């Protein structure tokens, strides 16, 4: 069985990758490798036709990512794999899908801070078209899209990507919340549930290093949710309200 962890990015994939590779190296999961950025950009193009899907398939083969894709936790491959599954290019019965999600408020805060930590990241998020899906091509009017701040676009991205993963993939699917993986009172149970889903045996005395944050964002550029303006909170609520309740985050906003 192939294993695909689908996420929005900034959801703790580095942490999960480290833990799974430490305890279950036989799963042979990959994370970000050569070609991931190019595949990500192409995957965010608003196409679904046969020629386009064949191009995505070619890129996976070109960069040695395999086809069907090797088991991966790479967030930059999530949209491509989602499209392969949705449009019948991957056999759903031969893969396990882990949908890794994070609270929208902490996701947006993390992304707002992370994109400011280097010049390269700022370029990717402000000047590279289709680094993320673009609202205009998914039901948003052109004028509304032009008025969107980067903050609002991240709110929209959280809802759009997670809606895709949760509503269109219903076979061999597991929802995993990042918060449950790093909370000392729930992380062992969450990891045990994940191991059971993946079909691997877990030791009763397993230890997870939940206090060591990996690839963390610097908090100095954008405040935590409690310090947001009322307008920012309303914007997040507008884009993410329904889905955050579905994921059990309604008490966190």
C-alpha atoms as a PDB file:
ATOM      1  CA  UNK A   1       0.000   0.000   0.000  1.00  0.00           C
ATOM      2  CA  UNK A   2       1.148   3.523  -0.773  1.00  0.00           C
ATOM      3  CA  UNK A   3       0.915   6.069   2.051  1.00  0.00           C
ATOM      4  CA  UNK A   4       0.132   9.696   1.286  1.00  0.00           C
ATOM      5  CA  UNK A   5      -0.014  12.390   3.968  1.00  0.00           C
ATOM      6  CA  UNK A   6      -1.938  15.334   2.506  1.00  0.00           C
ATOM      7  CA  UNK A   7      -1.724  18.747   4.139  1.00  0.00           C
ATOM      8  CA  UNK A   8      -1.742  22.492   3.607  1.00  0.00           C
ATOM      9  CA  UNK A   9       1.847  22.914   4.734  1.00  0.00           C
ATOM     10  CA  UNK A  10       2.812  24.405   8.117  1.00  0.00           C
ATOM     11  CA  UNK A  11       1.060  21.472   9.787  1.00  0.00           C
ATOM     12  CA  UNK A  12       3.987  19.688  11.392  1.00  0.00           C
ATOM     13  CA  UNK A  13       4.978  17.451   8.487  1.00  0.00           C
ATOM     14  CA  UNK A  14       8.668  17.716   9.416  1.00  0.00           C
ATOM     15  CA  UNK A  15       7.885  16.542  12.944  1.00  0.00           C
ATOM     16  CA  UNK A  16       5.646  13.700  11.751  1.00  0.00           C
ATOM     17  CA  UNK A  17       8.203  12.657   9.137  1.00  0.00           C
ATOM     18  CA  UNK A  18      10.930  12.460  11.786  1.00  0.00           C
ATOM     19  CA  UNK A  19       8.755  10.420  14.163  1.00  0.00           C
ATOM     20  CA  UNK A  20       7.529   7.969  11.521  1.00  0.00           C
ATOM     21  CA  UNK A  21      11.013   7.457  10.091  1.00  0.00           C
ATOM     22  CA  UNK A  22      12.401   6.918  13.576  1.00  0.00           C
ATOM     23  CA  UNK A  23       9.830   4.343  14.650  1.00  0.00           C
ATOM     24  CA  UNK A  24       8.638   2.899  11.316  1.00  0.00           C
ATOM     25  CA  UNK A  25      11.485   3.199   8.840  1.00  0.00           C
ATOM     26  CA  UNK A  26       9.995   0.306   6.876  1.00  0.00           C
ATOM     27  CA  UNK A  27       7.305   2.671   5.571  1.00  0.00           C
ATOM     28  CA  UNK A  28      10.004   4.417   3.491  1.00  0.00           C
ATOM     29  CA  UNK A  29       8.291   7.789   3.540  1.00  0.00           C
ATOM     30  CA  UNK A  30       9.851  10.756   1.743  1.00  0.00           C
ATOM     31  CA  UNK A  31       9.672  14.453   2.519  1.00  0.00           C
ATOM     32  CA  UNK A  32      10.723  17.450   0.440  1.00  0.00           C
ATOM     33  CA  UNK A  33      13.160  16.486  -2.305  1.00  0.00           C
ATOM     34  CA  UNK A  34      14.375  17.723  -5.668  1.00  0.00           C
ATOM     35  CA  UNK A  35      11.527  18.849  -7.891  1.00  0.00           C
ATOM     36  CA  UNK A  36       8.956  19.365  -5.136  1.00  0.00           C
ATOM     37  CA  UNK A  37       8.648  23.109  -5.761  1.00  0.00           C
ATOM     38  CA  UNK A  38       8.080  22.694  -9.501  1.00  0.00           C
ATOM     39  CA  UNK A  39       5.502  19.953  -8.953  1.00  0.00           C
ATOM     40  CA  UNK A  40       3.742  22.143  -6.401  1.00  0.00           C
ATOM     41  CA  UNK A  41       3.412  25.063  -8.829  1.00  0.00           C
ATOM     42  CA  UNK A  42       2.147  22.874 -11.675  1.00  0.00           C
ATOM     43  CA  UNK A  43      -0.279  21.080  -9.341  1.00  0.00           C
ATOM     44  CA  UNK A  44      -1.855  24.415  -8.362  1.00  0.00           C
ATOM     45  CA  UNK A  45      -2.723  25.278 -11.960  1.00  0.00           C
ATOM     46  CA  UNK A  46      -6.523  25.241 -12.427  1.00  0.00           C
ATOM     47  CA  UNK A  47      -6.595  22.284 -14.839  1.00  0.00           C
ATOM     48  CA  UNK A  48      -7.841  18.706 -14.632  1.00  0.00           C
ATOM     49  CA  UNK A  49      -7.741  17.461 -18.230  1.00  0.00           C
ATOM     50  CA  UNK A  50      -5.871  14.380 -19.427  1.00  0.00           C
ATOM     51  CA  UNK A  51      -2.927  16.283 -20.941  1.00  0.00           C
ATOM     52  CA  UNK A  52      -2.403  18.223 -17.723  1.00  0.00           C
ATOM     53  CA  UNK A  53      -2.553  15.108 -15.529  1.00  0.00           C
ATOM     54  CA  UNK A  54      -0.090  13.404 -17.870  1.00  0.00           C
ATOM     55  CA  UNK A  55       2.268  16.369 -17.388  1.00  0.00           C
ATOM     56  CA  UNK A  56       2.065  15.952 -13.620  1.00  0.00           C
ATOM     57  CA  UNK A  57       2.774  12.244 -14.028  1.00  0.00           C
ATOM     58  CA  UNK A  58       5.805  13.069 -16.200  1.00  0.00           C
ATOM     59  CA  UNK A  59       7.164  15.432 -13.532  1.00  0.00           C
ATOM     60  CA  UNK A  60       6.902  12.767 -10.852  1.00  0.00           C
ATOM     61  CA  UNK A  61       8.879  10.380 -13.040  1.00  0.00           C
ATOM     62  CA  UNK A  62      11.376  13.063 -14.103  1.00  0.00           C
ATOM     63  CA  UNK A  63      12.283  13.950 -10.513  1.00  0.00           C
ATOM     64  CA  UNK A  64      12.399  10.350  -9.318  1.00  0.00           C
ATOM     65  CA  UNK A  65       9.264  10.552  -7.198  1.00  0.00           C
ATOM     66  CA  UNK A  66       7.815   7.413  -8.754  1.00  0.00           C
ATOM     67  CA  UNK A  67       4.459   6.697 -10.338  1.00  0.00           C
ATOM     68  CA  UNK A  68       2.267   5.881  -8.622  1.00  0.00           C
ATOM     69  CA  UNK A  69       4.128   8.313  -6.348  1.00  0.00           C
ATOM     70  CA  UNK A  70       6.287   6.813  -3.624  1.00  0.00           C
ATOM     71  CA  UNK A  71       4.842   7.029  -0.122  1.00  0.00           C
ATOM     72  CA  UNK A  72       5.333  10.616   0.985  1.00  0.00           C
ATOM     73  CA  UNK A  73       4.587  13.212   3.613  1.00  0.00           C
ATOM     74  CA  UNK A  74       5.746  16.082   1.388  1.00  0.00           C
ATOM     75  CA  UNK A  75       3.186  18.946   1.603  1.00  0.00           C
ATOM     76  CA  UNK A  76       4.364  20.300  -1.754  1.00  0.00           C
ATOM     77  CA  UNK A  77       3.092  17.129  -3.435  1.00  0.00           C
ATOM     78  CA  UNK A  78      -0.295  17.096  -1.720  1.00  0.00           C
ATOM     79  CA  UNK A  79      -2.345  18.865  -4.392  1.00  0.00           C
ATOM     80  CA  UNK A  80      -0.840  16.767  -7.178  1.00  0.00           C
ATOM     81  CA  UNK A  81      -1.577  13.503  -5.370  1.00  0.00           C
ATOM     82  CA  UNK A  82      -5.070  14.742  -4.512  1.00  0.00           C
ATOM     83  CA  UNK A  83      -5.733  15.362  -8.210  1.00  0.00           C
ATOM     84  CA  UNK A  84      -4.333  11.969  -9.182  1.00  0.00           C
ATOM     85  CA  UNK A  85      -6.704  10.317  -6.716  1.00  0.00           C
ATOM     86  CA  UNK A  86      -9.762  12.421  -7.508  1.00  0.00           C
ATOM     87  CA  UNK A  87      -9.474  11.969 -11.267  1.00  0.00           C
ATOM     88  CA  UNK A  88      -8.731   8.259 -11.184  1.00  0.00           C
ATOM     89  CA  UNK A  89      -4.998   8.285 -11.925  1.00  0.00           C
ATOM     90  CA  UNK A  90      -4.217   6.481  -8.637  1.00  0.00           C
ATOM     91  CA  UNK A  91      -6.107   3.394  -7.488  1.00  0.00           C
ATOM     92  CA  UNK A  92      -7.751   4.405  -4.203  1.00  0.00           C
ATOM     93  CA  UNK A  93      -7.825   0.816  -3.000  1.00  0.00           C
ATOM     94  CA  UNK A  94      -4.021   0.670  -3.097  1.00  0.00           C
ATOM     95  CA  UNK A  95      -3.238   3.703  -0.953  1.00  0.00           C
ATOM     96  CA  UNK A  96      -3.794   5.007   2.556  1.00  0.00           C
ATOM     97  CA  UNK A  97      -4.571   8.721   2.892  1.00  0.00           C
ATOM     98  CA  UNK A  98      -3.708  10.621   6.067  1.00  0.00           C
ATOM     99  CA  UNK A  99      -5.242  14.086   6.061  1.00  0.00           C
ATOM    100  CA  UNK A 100      -3.059  16.138   8.410  1.00  0.00           C
ATOM    101  CA  UNK A 101      -4.766  19.327   9.557  1.00  0.00           C
ATOM    102  CA  UNK A 102      -3.972  22.229  11.856  1.00  0.00           C
ATOM    103  CA  UNK A 103      -6.176  24.855  13.491  1.00  0.00           C
ATOM    104  CA  UNK A 104      -6.798  27.668  10.974  1.00  0.00           C
ATOM    105  CA  UNK A 105      -5.765  30.380  13.430  1.00  0.00           C
ATOM    106  CA  UNK A 106      -2.362  28.838  14.170  1.00  0.00           C
ATOM    107  CA  UNK A 107      -1.906  27.836  10.518  1.00  0.00           C
ATOM    108  CA  UNK A 108      -2.398  31.409   9.312  1.00  0.00           C
ATOM    109  CA  UNK A 109      -0.208  32.837  12.075  1.00  0.00           C
ATOM    110  CA  UNK A 110       2.551  30.354  11.264  1.00  0.00           C
ATOM    111  CA  UNK A 111       2.396  31.045   7.521  1.00  0.00           C
ATOM    112  CA  UNK A 112       2.364  34.818   7.990  1.00  0.00           C
ATOM    113  CA  UNK A 113       5.496  34.575  10.123  1.00  0.00           C
ATOM    114  CA  UNK A 114       7.222  31.857   8.099  1.00  0.00           C
ATOM    115  CA  UNK A 115       6.989  33.707   4.773  1.00  0.00           C
ATOM    116  CA  UNK A 116       8.812  36.701   6.273  1.00  0.00           C
ATOM    117  CA  UNK A 117      11.790  34.762   7.600  1.00  0.00           C
ATOM    118  CA  UNK A 118      13.804  34.838   4.392  1.00  0.00           C
ATOM    119  CA  UNK A 119      13.901  36.708   1.102  1.00  0.00           C
ATOM    120  CA  UNK A 120      13.319  33.467  -0.827  1.00  0.00           C
ATOM    121  CA  UNK A 121      10.142  32.658   1.082  1.00  0.00           C
ATOM    122  CA  UNK A 122       8.829  36.173   0.563  1.00  0.00           C
ATOM    123  CA  UNK A 123       9.434  35.868  -3.191  1.00  0.00           C
ATOM    124  CA  UNK A 124       7.695  32.477  -3.325  1.00  0.00           C
ATOM    125  CA  UNK A 125       4.554  33.740  -1.636  1.00  0.00           C
ATOM    126  CA  UNK A 126       4.304  37.173  -3.254  1.00  0.00           C
ATOM    127  CA  UNK A 127       5.763  36.876  -6.750  1.00  0.00           C
ATOM    128  CA  UNK A 128       5.484  33.220  -7.815  1.00  0.00           C
ATOM    129  CA  UNK A 129       2.087  32.607  -9.392  1.00  0.00           C
ATOM    130  CA  UNK A 130       0.451  29.358  -8.289  1.00  0.00           C
ATOM    131  CA  UNK A 131       2.751  28.739  -5.354  1.00  0.00           C
ATOM    132  CA  UNK A 132      -0.655  28.296  -3.744  1.00  0.00           C
ATOM    133  CA  UNK A 133      -4.024  27.886  -5.495  1.00  0.00           C
ATOM    134  CA  UNK A 134      -5.436  31.226  -6.636  1.00  0.00           C
ATOM    135  CA  UNK A 135      -8.969  32.131  -5.433  1.00  0.00           C
ATOM    136  CA  UNK A 136      -9.961  33.688  -8.780  1.00  0.00           C
ATOM    137  CA  UNK A 137      -9.821  30.278 -10.464  1.00  0.00           C
ATOM    138  CA  UNK A 138     -11.953  28.630  -7.784  1.00  0.00           C
ATOM    139  CA  UNK A 139     -15.129  30.682  -7.563  1.00  0.00           C
ATOM    140  CA  UNK A 140     -13.860  34.039  -6.311  1.00  0.00           C
ATOM    141  CA  UNK A 141     -14.556  37.110  -8.438  1.00  0.00           C
ATOM    142  CA  UNK A 142     -11.590  38.911  -9.969  1.00  0.00           C
ATOM    143  CA  UNK A 143     -12.268  42.084  -7.980  1.00  0.00           C
ATOM    144  CA  UNK A 144     -12.632  40.218  -4.690  1.00  0.00           C
ATOM    145  CA  UNK A 145      -9.376  38.399  -5.337  1.00  0.00           C
ATOM    146  CA  UNK A 146      -7.508  41.648  -6.058  1.00  0.00           C
ATOM    147  CA  UNK A 147      -8.729  43.064  -2.747  1.00  0.00           C
ATOM    148  CA  UNK A 148      -7.501  40.085  -0.742  1.00  0.00           C
ATOM    149  CA  UNK A 149      -4.553  40.637   1.557  1.00  0.00           C
ATOM    150  CA  UNK A 150      -1.985  37.878   1.977  1.00  0.00           C
ATOM    151  CA  UNK A 151      -3.571  37.208   5.356  1.00  0.00           C
ATOM    152  CA  UNK A 152      -6.987  36.621   3.804  1.00  0.00           C
ATOM    153  CA  UNK A 153      -5.510  34.452   1.057  1.00  0.00           C
ATOM    154  CA  UNK A 154      -3.977  32.172   3.698  1.00  0.00           C
ATOM    155  CA  UNK A 155      -7.405  31.902   5.359  1.00  0.00           C
ATOM    156  CA  UNK A 156      -8.890  30.978   1.989  1.00  0.00           C
ATOM    157  CA  UNK A 157      -6.070  28.493   1.236  1.00  0.00           C
ATOM    158  CA  UNK A 158      -6.649  26.670   4.541  1.00  0.00           C
ATOM    159  CA  UNK A 159     -10.317  26.212   3.715  1.00  0.00           C
ATOM    160  CA  UNK A 160      -9.831  25.378   0.037  1.00  0.00           C
ATOM    161  CA  UNK A 161      -7.128  22.738   0.442  1.00  0.00           C
ATOM    162  CA  UNK A 162      -8.691  21.073   3.451  1.00  0.00           C
ATOM    163  CA  UNK A 163     -12.073  21.042   1.724  1.00  0.00           C
ATOM    164  CA  UNK A 164     -10.506  19.265  -1.235  1.00  0.00           C
ATOM    165  CA  UNK A 165      -8.862  16.622   0.907  1.00  0.00           C
ATOM    166  CA  UNK A 166     -11.814  16.003   3.220  1.00  0.00           C
ATOM    167  CA  UNK A 167     -14.714  16.041   0.761  1.00  0.00           C
ATOM    168  CA  UNK A 168     -13.276  14.250  -2.238  1.00  0.00           C
ATOM    169  CA  UNK A 169     -11.262  11.428  -0.681  1.00  0.00           C
ATOM    170  CA  UNK A 170     -13.457   8.962   1.187  1.00  0.00           C
ATOM    171  CA  UNK A 171     -11.631   5.647   0.836  1.00  0.00           C
ATOM    172  CA  UNK A 172      -8.880   4.516   3.226  1.00  0.00           C
ATOM    173  CA  UNK A 173      -8.890   7.993   4.738  1.00  0.00           C
ATOM    174  CA  UNK A 174      -7.855   9.163   8.211  1.00  0.00           C
ATOM    175  CA  UNK A 175      -8.070  12.663   9.677  1.00  0.00           C
ATOM    176  CA  UNK A 176      -5.143  13.552  11.937  1.00  0.00           C
ATOM    177  CA  UNK A 177      -4.937  16.820  13.866  1.00  0.00           C
ATOM    178  CA  UNK A 178      -1.481  18.245  14.464  1.00  0.00           C
ATOM    179  CA  UNK A 179      -2.550  19.456  17.908  1.00  0.00           C
ATOM    180  CA  UNK A 180      -3.310  15.883  18.991  1.00  0.00           C
ATOM    181  CA  UNK A 181       0.205  14.835  17.953  1.00  0.00           C
ATOM    182  CA  UNK A 182       1.990  17.456  20.038  1.00  0.00           C
ATOM    183  CA  UNK A 183      -0.292  17.637  23.086  1.00  0.00           C
ATOM    184  CA  UNK A 184       1.409  15.646  25.899  1.00  0.00           C
ATOM    185  CA  UNK A 185      -1.955  14.293  27.043  1.00  0.00           C
ATOM    186  CA  UNK A 186      -3.032  12.991  23.618  1.00  0.00           C
ATOM    187  CA  UNK A 187       0.091  12.435  21.496  1.00  0.00           C
ATOM    188  CA  UNK A 188       0.660   8.760  22.373  1.00  0.00           C
ATOM    189  CA  UNK A 189      -2.963   7.849  21.691  1.00  0.00           C
ATOM    190  CA  UNK A 190      -2.949   9.812  18.419  1.00  0.00           C
ATOM    191  CA  UNK A 191       0.280   8.135  17.297  1.00  0.00           C
ATOM    192  CA  UNK A 192      -1.084   4.703  18.210  1.00  0.00           C
ATOM    193  CA  UNK A 193      -4.218   5.375  16.167  1.00  0.00           C
ATOM    194  CA  UNK A 194      -2.054   6.464  13.230  1.00  0.00           C
ATOM    195  CA  UNK A 195       0.127   3.363  13.504  1.00  0.00           C
ATOM    196  CA  UNK A 196      -2.961   1.147  13.526  1.00  0.00           C
ATOM    197  CA  UNK A 197      -4.285   2.885  10.405  1.00  0.00           C
ATOM    198  CA  UNK A 198      -0.948   2.434   8.641  1.00  0.00           C
ATOM    199  CA  UNK A 199      -0.826  -1.222   9.615  1.00  0.00           C
ATOM    200  CA  UNK A 200       2.374  -1.095  11.649  1.00  0.00           C
ATOM    201  CA  UNK A 201       3.008  -2.381  15.149  1.00  0.00           C
ATOM    202  CA  UNK A 202       3.765   0.153  17.846  1.00  0.00           C
ATOM    203  CA  UNK A 203       5.624  -0.533  21.098  1.00  0.00           C
ATOM    204  CA  UNK A 204       3.782   0.254  24.318  1.00  0.00           C
ATOM    205  CA  UNK A 205       6.754   2.254  25.633  1.00  0.00           C
ATOM    206  CA  UNK A 206       7.142   4.456  22.550  1.00  0.00           C
ATOM    207  CA  UNK A 207       8.504   7.951  23.217  1.00  0.00           C
ATOM    208  CA  UNK A 208       7.796  11.020  21.085  1.00  0.00           C
ATOM    209  CA  UNK A 209       9.912  14.172  21.330  1.00  0.00           C
ATOM    210  CA  UNK A 210       6.982  16.570  21.211  1.00  0.00           C
ATOM    211  CA  UNK A 211       8.868  19.489  22.743  1.00  0.00           C
ATOM    212  CA  UNK A 212      11.383  19.789  19.902  1.00  0.00           C
ATOM    213  CA  UNK A 213       9.789  22.013  17.272  1.00  0.00           C
ATOM    214  CA  UNK A 214      11.103  21.493  13.754  1.00  0.00           C
ATOM    215  CA  UNK A 215      11.051  24.152  11.042  1.00  0.00           C
ATOM    216  CA  UNK A 216       9.224  26.492  13.396  1.00  0.00           C
ATOM    217  CA  UNK A 217       8.282  30.006  12.372  1.00  0.00           C
ATOM    218  CA  UNK A 218       9.566  33.083  14.176  1.00  0.00           C
ATOM    219  CA  UNK A 219       6.669  34.809  16.001  1.00  0.00           C
ATOM    220  CA  UNK A 220       7.971  38.362  15.690  1.00  0.00           C
ATOM    221  CA  UNK A 221       6.293  39.302  12.376  1.00  0.00           C
ATOM    222  CA  UNK A 222       2.655  38.445  13.022  1.00  0.00           C
ATOM    223  CA  UNK A 223       0.780  38.104  16.357  1.00  0.00           C
ATOM    224  CA  UNK A 224      -1.007  35.117  17.854  1.00  0.00           C
ATOM    225  CA  UNK A 225      -4.773  34.851  17.393  1.00  0.00           C
ATOM    226  CA  UNK A 226      -5.537  36.459  20.768  1.00  0.00           C
ATOM    227  CA  UNK A 227      -3.889  39.672  19.526  1.00  0.00           C
ATOM    228  CA  UNK A 228      -5.560  39.798  16.121  1.00  0.00           C
ATOM    229  CA  UNK A 229      -7.856  42.656  15.216  1.00  0.00           C
ATOM    230  CA  UNK A 230     -11.592  42.001  15.152  1.00  0.00           C
ATOM    231  CA  UNK A 231     -11.502  42.367  11.371  1.00  0.00           C
ATOM    232  CA  UNK A 232      -8.870  39.648  11.075  1.00  0.00           C
ATOM    233  CA  UNK A 233     -10.887  37.323  13.301  1.00  0.00           C
ATOM    234  CA  UNK A 234     -14.011  37.997  11.226  1.00  0.00           C
ATOM    235  CA  UNK A 235     -12.097  37.264   8.013  1.00  0.00           C
ATOM    236  CA  UNK A 236     -10.906  33.913   9.354  1.00  0.00           C
ATOM    237  CA  UNK A 237     -14.416  33.096  10.557  1.00  0.00           C
ATOM    238  CA  UNK A 238     -15.855  33.966   7.130  1.00  0.00           C
ATOM    239  CA  UNK A 239     -13.558  31.612   5.238  1.00  0.00           C
ATOM    240  CA  UNK A 240     -13.004  28.787   7.727  1.00  0.00           C
ATOM    241  CA  UNK A 241     -15.994  28.614  10.066  1.00  0.00           C
ATOM    242  CA  UNK A 242     -17.804  25.563   8.696  1.00  0.00           C
ATOM    243  CA  UNK A 243     -14.744  23.392   8.228  1.00  0.00           C
ATOM    244  CA  UNK A 244     -13.104  24.307  11.528  1.00  0.00           C
ATOM    245  CA  UNK A 245     -16.224  22.964  13.269  1.00  0.00           C
ATOM    246  CA  UNK A 246     -15.991  19.758  11.265  1.00  0.00           C
ATOM    247  CA  UNK A 247     -12.416  19.304  12.484  1.00  0.00           C
ATOM    248  CA  UNK A 248     -13.321  20.124  16.092  1.00  0.00           C
ATOM    249  CA  UNK A 249     -11.695  23.522  16.272  1.00  0.00           C
ATOM    250  CA  UNK A 250     -14.860  25.504  17.072  1.00  0.00           C
ATOM    251  CA  UNK A 251     -13.747  26.013  20.703  1.00  0.00           C
ATOM    252  CA  UNK A 252     -10.403  27.451  19.659  1.00  0.00           C
ATOM    253  CA  UNK A 253     -11.639  30.635  17.965  1.00  0.00           C
END
